[in-house]
Amino acid sequence: MASPSHASEYPQYDAQSLLNSQPVIVTVIDPSTHQIQFQNQTGLNKFGDITGQACYDKIAGCRTPCDFCRMPEAMASDTVVSSEVPLAGIVIVCIMLISGLMVAYPIQPSVARSERHL
């Protein structure tokens, strides 16, 4: 089978539609200002439109960048980092990518750590 010779022969996907179809919260955060740049539909449903506002204020309810924030670590180490964070009665897993992308999803507190996969 011959491979496509032009990029236009590959399926085209709309990135925003793909992100909005995810059942997890996807938020893009400017790592230098902590400003929210983008939220997918799941994030909008959970938090409302908080674009342009500080993640620590609108997501975590803190006045300053969170003590548990691992974004600086992700940026400095050029790696993906993750952590479990208890917020407003739920525990979420935050995955920080070097680009400032945060993916978060709620977990059940009763689920043993060994049973979860990141």
N, C-alpha and C. Protein backbone atom coordinates (compact mmCIF):
# COMPACT_ATOMS: atom_id res chain seq x y z
N MET A 1 0.84 -1.18 0.00
CA MET A 1 0.00 0.00 0.00
C MET A 1 0.88 1.23 0.00
N ALA A 2 0.67 2.11 -0.91
CA ALA A 2 1.48 3.32 -1.03
C ALA A 2 1.09 4.30 0.07
N SER A 3 2.10 5.00 0.60
CA SER A 3 1.80 6.01 1.61
C SER A 3 1.38 7.30 0.93
N PRO A 4 0.56 8.10 1.62
CA PRO A 4 0.11 9.36 1.03
C PRO A 4 1.30 10.27 0.73
N SER A 5 1.26 10.91 -0.40
CA SER A 5 2.38 11.76 -0.80
C SER A 5 2.19 13.21 -0.38
N HIS A 6 1.00 13.57 0.00
CA HIS A 6 0.73 14.94 0.42
C HIS A 6 0.03 14.93 1.77
N ALA A 7 0.33 15.94 2.59
CA ALA A 7 -0.30 16.04 3.90
C ALA A 7 -1.81 16.11 3.79
N SER A 8 -2.32 16.67 2.69
CA SER A 8 -3.77 16.81 2.54
C SER A 8 -4.47 15.46 2.39
N GLU A 9 -3.71 14.41 2.11
CA GLU A 9 -4.30 13.08 1.97
C GLU A 9 -4.53 12.42 3.33
N TYR A 10 -3.94 12.96 4.38
CA TYR A 10 -4.15 12.44 5.72
C TYR A 10 -5.45 13.01 6.27
N PRO A 11 -6.09 12.29 7.18
CA PRO A 11 -7.31 12.84 7.79
C PRO A 11 -6.99 14.15 8.51
N GLN A 12 -7.86 15.11 8.40
CA GLN A 12 -7.69 16.38 9.08
C GLN A 12 -8.58 16.40 10.32
N TYR A 13 -8.01 16.83 11.43
CA TYR A 13 -8.75 16.89 12.68
C TYR A 13 -8.71 18.30 13.21
N ASP A 14 -9.80 18.71 13.79
CA ASP A 14 -9.88 20.00 14.44
C ASP A 14 -9.44 19.81 15.89
N ALA A 15 -8.32 20.43 16.27
CA ALA A 15 -7.76 20.23 17.61
C ALA A 15 -8.76 20.61 18.70
N GLN A 16 -9.46 21.70 18.53
CA GLN A 16 -10.41 22.12 19.56
C GLN A 16 -11.54 21.11 19.70
N SER A 17 -12.02 20.56 18.61
CA SER A 17 -13.07 19.54 18.68
C SER A 17 -12.57 18.30 19.41
N LEU A 18 -11.33 17.91 19.14
CA LEU A 18 -10.76 16.75 19.83
C LEU A 18 -10.64 17.00 21.33
N LEU A 19 -10.15 18.18 21.71
CA LEU A 19 -10.02 18.51 23.13
C LEU A 19 -11.39 18.60 23.81
N ASN A 20 -12.35 19.20 23.12
CA ASN A 20 -13.68 19.36 23.70
C ASN A 20 -14.42 18.04 23.85
N SER A 21 -14.02 17.02 23.12
CA SER A 21 -14.69 15.73 23.21
C SER A 21 -14.14 14.87 24.35
N GLN A 22 -13.10 15.34 25.03
CA GLN A 22 -12.49 14.56 26.10
C GLN A 22 -13.29 14.66 27.39
N PRO A 23 -13.43 13.55 28.13
CA PRO A 23 -14.17 13.58 29.39
C PRO A 23 -13.36 14.13 30.56
N VAL A 24 -12.09 14.43 30.32
CA VAL A 24 -11.23 15.00 31.36
C VAL A 24 -11.11 16.51 31.14
N ILE A 25 -10.74 17.22 32.20
CA ILE A 25 -10.54 18.66 32.11
C ILE A 25 -9.19 18.90 31.46
N VAL A 26 -9.18 19.68 30.38
CA VAL A 26 -7.94 20.07 29.72
C VAL A 26 -7.87 21.59 29.79
N THR A 27 -6.82 22.10 30.42
CA THR A 27 -6.64 23.53 30.58
C THR A 27 -5.23 23.89 30.15
N VAL A 28 -5.10 24.93 29.34
CA VAL A 28 -3.78 25.43 28.95
C VAL A 28 -3.51 26.66 29.81
N ILE A 29 -2.37 26.63 30.50
CA ILE A 29 -2.01 27.67 31.44
C ILE A 29 -0.68 28.27 31.03
N ASP A 30 -0.59 29.60 31.02
CA ASP A 30 0.68 30.28 30.77
C ASP A 30 1.55 30.06 32.01
N PRO A 31 2.65 29.32 31.89
CA PRO A 31 3.44 28.99 33.07
C PRO A 31 4.09 30.19 33.75
N SER A 32 4.30 31.28 33.03
CA SER A 32 4.94 32.44 33.65
C SER A 32 3.96 33.32 34.41
N THR A 33 2.68 33.31 34.03
CA THR A 33 1.69 34.16 34.70
C THR A 33 0.60 33.38 35.42
N HIS A 34 0.52 32.09 35.17
CA HIS A 34 -0.54 31.22 35.70
C HIS A 34 -1.91 31.57 35.14
N GLN A 35 -1.94 32.34 34.06
CA GLN A 35 -3.22 32.69 33.43
C GLN A 35 -3.73 31.55 32.57
N ILE A 36 -5.01 31.30 32.67
CA ILE A 36 -5.65 30.26 31.88
C ILE A 36 -5.84 30.78 30.47
N GLN A 37 -5.32 30.03 29.50
CA GLN A 37 -5.38 30.42 28.10
C GLN A 37 -6.50 29.71 27.35
N PHE A 38 -6.82 28.49 27.77
CA PHE A 38 -7.83 27.68 27.08
C PHE A 38 -8.39 26.66 28.05
N GLN A 39 -9.68 26.38 27.91
CA GLN A 39 -10.34 25.30 28.64
C GLN A 39 -11.14 24.49 27.63
N ASN A 40 -11.13 23.17 27.80
CA ASN A 40 -12.01 22.38 26.95
C ASN A 40 -13.42 22.42 27.54
N GLN A 41 -14.36 21.80 26.85
CA GLN A 41 -15.77 21.86 27.28
C GLN A 41 -15.97 21.27 28.66
N THR A 42 -15.24 20.20 29.00
CA THR A 42 -15.36 19.60 30.33
C THR A 42 -14.94 20.60 31.40
N GLY A 43 -13.85 21.34 31.15
CA GLY A 43 -13.40 22.37 32.08
C GLY A 43 -14.40 23.50 32.20
N LEU A 44 -14.97 23.91 31.08
CA LEU A 44 -15.99 24.96 31.10
C LEU A 44 -17.21 24.52 31.91
N ASN A 45 -17.60 23.26 31.75
CA ASN A 45 -18.74 22.74 32.50
C ASN A 45 -18.47 22.72 34.00
N LYS A 46 -17.24 22.42 34.39
CA LYS A 46 -16.89 22.31 35.81
C LYS A 46 -16.68 23.68 36.45
N PHE A 47 -15.93 24.58 35.78
CA PHE A 47 -15.52 25.84 36.39
C PHE A 47 -16.16 27.08 35.79
N GLY A 48 -16.88 26.95 34.68
CA GLY A 48 -17.35 28.13 33.96
C GLY A 48 -16.19 28.70 33.16
N ASP A 49 -16.43 29.79 32.45
CA ASP A 49 -15.37 30.40 31.64
C ASP A 49 -14.44 31.22 32.53
N ILE A 50 -13.26 30.69 32.77
CA ILE A 50 -12.27 31.37 33.61
C ILE A 50 -11.02 31.73 32.81
N THR A 51 -11.17 31.78 31.49
CA THR A 51 -10.06 32.15 30.62
C THR A 51 -9.55 33.53 31.00
N GLY A 52 -8.23 33.68 31.04
CA GLY A 52 -7.61 34.96 31.37
C GLY A 52 -7.42 35.18 32.86
N GLN A 53 -7.92 34.27 33.67
CA GLN A 53 -7.78 34.40 35.12
C GLN A 53 -6.73 33.41 35.63
N ALA A 54 -6.29 33.62 36.84
CA ALA A 54 -5.24 32.78 37.42
C ALA A 54 -5.78 31.41 37.81
N CYS A 55 -5.06 30.37 37.43
CA CYS A 55 -5.48 29.00 37.75
C CYS A 55 -5.55 28.78 39.25
N TYR A 56 -4.57 29.34 39.98
CA TYR A 56 -4.54 29.11 41.43
C TYR A 56 -5.77 29.71 42.10
N ASP A 57 -6.29 30.80 41.57
CA ASP A 57 -7.48 31.44 42.14
C ASP A 57 -8.75 30.70 41.75
N LYS A 58 -8.95 30.47 40.48
CA LYS A 58 -10.22 29.95 39.99
C LYS A 58 -10.35 28.44 40.06
N ILE A 59 -9.25 27.71 40.00
CA ILE A 59 -9.33 26.25 40.07
C ILE A 59 -9.09 25.75 41.49
N ALA A 60 -8.05 26.29 42.14
CA ALA A 60 -7.67 25.79 43.46
C ALA A 60 -8.20 26.64 44.60
N GLY A 61 -8.67 27.86 44.31
CA GLY A 61 -9.18 28.73 45.36
C GLY A 61 -8.11 29.31 46.25
N CYS A 62 -6.91 29.51 45.72
CA CYS A 62 -5.79 30.09 46.47
C CYS A 62 -5.58 31.54 46.03
N ARG A 63 -4.98 32.34 46.91
CA ARG A 63 -4.69 33.73 46.57
C ARG A 63 -3.37 33.90 45.82
N THR A 64 -2.50 32.94 45.97
CA THR A 64 -1.19 32.97 45.32
C THR A 64 -0.95 31.61 44.67
N PRO A 65 0.07 31.50 43.82
CA PRO A 65 0.35 30.18 43.23
C PRO A 65 0.42 29.10 44.30
N CYS A 66 -0.15 27.98 44.00
CA CYS A 66 -0.30 26.88 44.96
C CYS A 66 1.05 26.30 45.38
N ASP A 67 1.14 25.94 46.65
CA ASP A 67 2.35 25.28 47.16
C ASP A 67 2.59 23.95 46.44
N PHE A 68 1.51 23.30 46.02
CA PHE A 68 1.62 21.99 45.38
C PHE A 68 1.82 22.06 43.87
N CYS A 69 1.87 23.28 43.31
CA CYS A 69 1.99 23.43 41.85
C CYS A 69 3.31 22.84 41.36
N ARG A 70 3.21 22.00 40.36
CA ARG A 70 4.40 21.36 39.81
C ARG A 70 4.77 21.89 38.43
N MET A 71 4.09 22.97 38.01
CA MET A 71 4.40 23.57 36.71
C MET A 71 5.87 24.02 36.64
N PRO A 72 6.40 24.71 37.68
CA PRO A 72 7.82 25.09 37.61
C PRO A 72 8.75 23.88 37.45
N GLU A 73 8.42 22.79 38.12
CA GLU A 73 9.21 21.56 38.01
C GLU A 73 9.15 21.00 36.60
N ALA A 74 7.97 21.00 36.01
CA ALA A 74 7.82 20.50 34.64
C ALA A 74 8.62 21.34 33.67
N MET A 75 8.59 22.66 33.85
CA MET A 75 9.33 23.56 32.96
C MET A 75 10.84 23.39 33.14
N ALA A 76 11.29 23.31 34.39
CA ALA A 76 12.73 23.22 34.67
C ALA A 76 13.32 21.88 34.24
N SER A 77 12.56 20.81 34.40
CA SER A 77 13.09 19.48 34.10
C SER A 77 12.79 19.02 32.69
N ASP A 78 11.95 19.78 31.97
CA ASP A 78 11.57 19.43 30.60
C ASP A 78 10.93 18.04 30.56
N THR A 79 10.14 17.75 31.60
CA THR A 79 9.45 16.46 31.69
C THR A 79 7.99 16.67 32.06
N VAL A 80 7.24 15.61 31.97
CA VAL A 80 5.85 15.60 32.41
C VAL A 80 5.83 15.20 33.88
N VAL A 81 5.09 15.92 34.69
CA VAL A 81 4.95 15.58 36.11
C VAL A 81 3.47 15.47 36.44
N SER A 82 3.16 14.71 37.47
CA SER A 82 1.76 14.58 37.88
C SER A 82 1.67 14.52 39.39
N SER A 83 0.51 14.85 39.90
CA SER A 83 0.27 14.76 41.33
C SER A 83 -1.22 14.67 41.60
N GLU A 84 -1.56 14.09 42.74
CA GLU A 84 -2.94 14.05 43.19
C GLU A 84 -3.17 15.26 44.08
N VAL A 85 -4.26 15.98 43.82
CA VAL A 85 -4.54 17.22 44.54
C VAL A 85 -5.98 17.18 45.06
N PRO A 86 -6.17 17.31 46.39
CA PRO A 86 -7.53 17.39 46.91
C PRO A 86 -8.07 18.81 46.73
N LEU A 87 -9.20 18.95 46.05
CA LEU A 87 -9.83 20.25 45.83
C LEU A 87 -11.33 20.14 46.03
N ALA A 88 -11.89 21.02 46.81
CA ALA A 88 -13.34 21.17 46.96
C ALA A 88 -14.10 19.85 47.02
N GLY A 89 -13.67 18.97 47.91
CA GLY A 89 -14.39 17.73 48.11
C GLY A 89 -14.08 16.61 47.14
N ILE A 90 -13.22 16.86 46.16
CA ILE A 90 -12.81 15.80 45.24
C ILE A 90 -11.29 15.77 45.19
N VAL A 91 -10.78 14.69 44.71
CA VAL A 91 -9.34 14.59 44.47
C VAL A 91 -9.17 14.54 42.97
N ILE A 92 -8.29 15.38 42.43
CA ILE A 92 -8.02 15.33 41.00
C ILE A 92 -6.56 14.96 40.79
N VAL A 93 -6.30 14.35 39.67
CA VAL A 93 -4.94 14.09 39.25
C VAL A 93 -4.59 15.17 38.25
N CYS A 94 -3.55 15.93 38.55
CA CYS A 94 -3.07 16.98 37.64
C CYS A 94 -1.83 16.48 36.94
N ILE A 95 -1.84 16.57 35.63
CA ILE A 95 -0.68 16.20 34.84
C ILE A 95 -0.19 17.47 34.16
N MET A 96 1.01 17.91 34.52
CA MET A 96 1.57 19.13 33.96
C MET A 96 2.55 18.78 32.87
N LEU A 97 2.35 19.36 31.71
CA LEU A 97 3.23 19.15 30.58
C LEU A 97 4.09 20.39 30.41
N ILE A 98 5.22 20.24 29.77
CA ILE A 98 6.17 21.35 29.65
C ILE A 98 5.62 22.53 28.87
N SER A 99 4.59 22.33 28.10
CA SER A 99 4.02 23.41 27.29
C SER A 99 3.06 24.28 28.09
N GLY A 100 2.80 23.95 29.34
CA GLY A 100 1.83 24.70 30.12
C GLY A 100 0.45 24.08 30.07
N LEU A 101 0.36 22.89 29.53
CA LEU A 101 -0.92 22.19 29.45
C LEU A 101 -1.16 21.42 30.73
N MET A 102 -2.32 21.60 31.31
CA MET A 102 -2.69 20.82 32.48
C MET A 102 -3.87 19.94 32.11
N VAL A 103 -3.75 18.67 32.39
CA VAL A 103 -4.85 17.73 32.21
C VAL A 103 -5.23 17.28 33.61
N ALA A 104 -6.50 17.40 33.95
CA ALA A 104 -6.93 17.00 35.29
C ALA A 104 -8.16 16.12 35.17
N TYR A 105 -8.22 15.14 36.02
CA TYR A 105 -9.41 14.31 36.05
C TYR A 105 -9.70 13.90 37.49
N PRO A 106 -10.99 13.85 37.86
CA PRO A 106 -11.34 13.47 39.23
C PRO A 106 -11.17 11.98 39.44
N ILE A 107 -10.79 11.62 40.65
CA ILE A 107 -10.69 10.21 41.02
C ILE A 107 -11.52 9.99 42.27
N GLN A 108 -11.92 8.79 42.50
CA GLN A 108 -12.65 8.44 43.70
C GLN A 108 -11.64 8.23 44.82
N PRO A 109 -11.81 8.90 45.96
CA PRO A 109 -10.86 8.73 47.06
C PRO A 109 -10.70 7.28 47.50
N SER A 110 -11.71 6.46 47.30
CA SER A 110 -11.65 5.07 47.75
C SER A 110 -10.85 4.16 46.82
N VAL A 111 -10.48 4.68 45.64
CA VAL A 111 -9.74 3.85 44.69
C VAL A 111 -8.28 3.79 45.13
N ALA A 112 -7.79 2.60 45.34
CA ALA A 112 -6.41 2.44 45.78
C ALA A 112 -5.45 2.92 44.71
N ARG A 113 -4.34 3.52 45.13
CA ARG A 113 -3.35 4.06 44.20
C ARG A 113 -2.89 3.00 43.21
N SER A 114 -2.74 1.77 43.65
CA SER A 114 -2.25 0.71 42.76
C SER A 114 -3.26 0.37 41.67
N GLU A 115 -4.51 0.76 41.85
CA GLU A 115 -5.54 0.46 40.86
C GLU A 115 -5.66 1.54 39.80
N ARG A 116 -4.98 2.68 39.98
CA ARG A 116 -5.10 3.78 39.04
C ARG A 116 -3.94 3.75 38.07
N HIS A 117 -4.19 4.22 36.88
CA HIS A 117 -3.16 4.32 35.86
C HIS A 117 -3.14 5.73 35.34
N LEU A 118 -1.95 6.33 35.27
CA LEU A 118 -1.82 7.69 34.72
C LEU A 118 -1.49 7.61 33.27
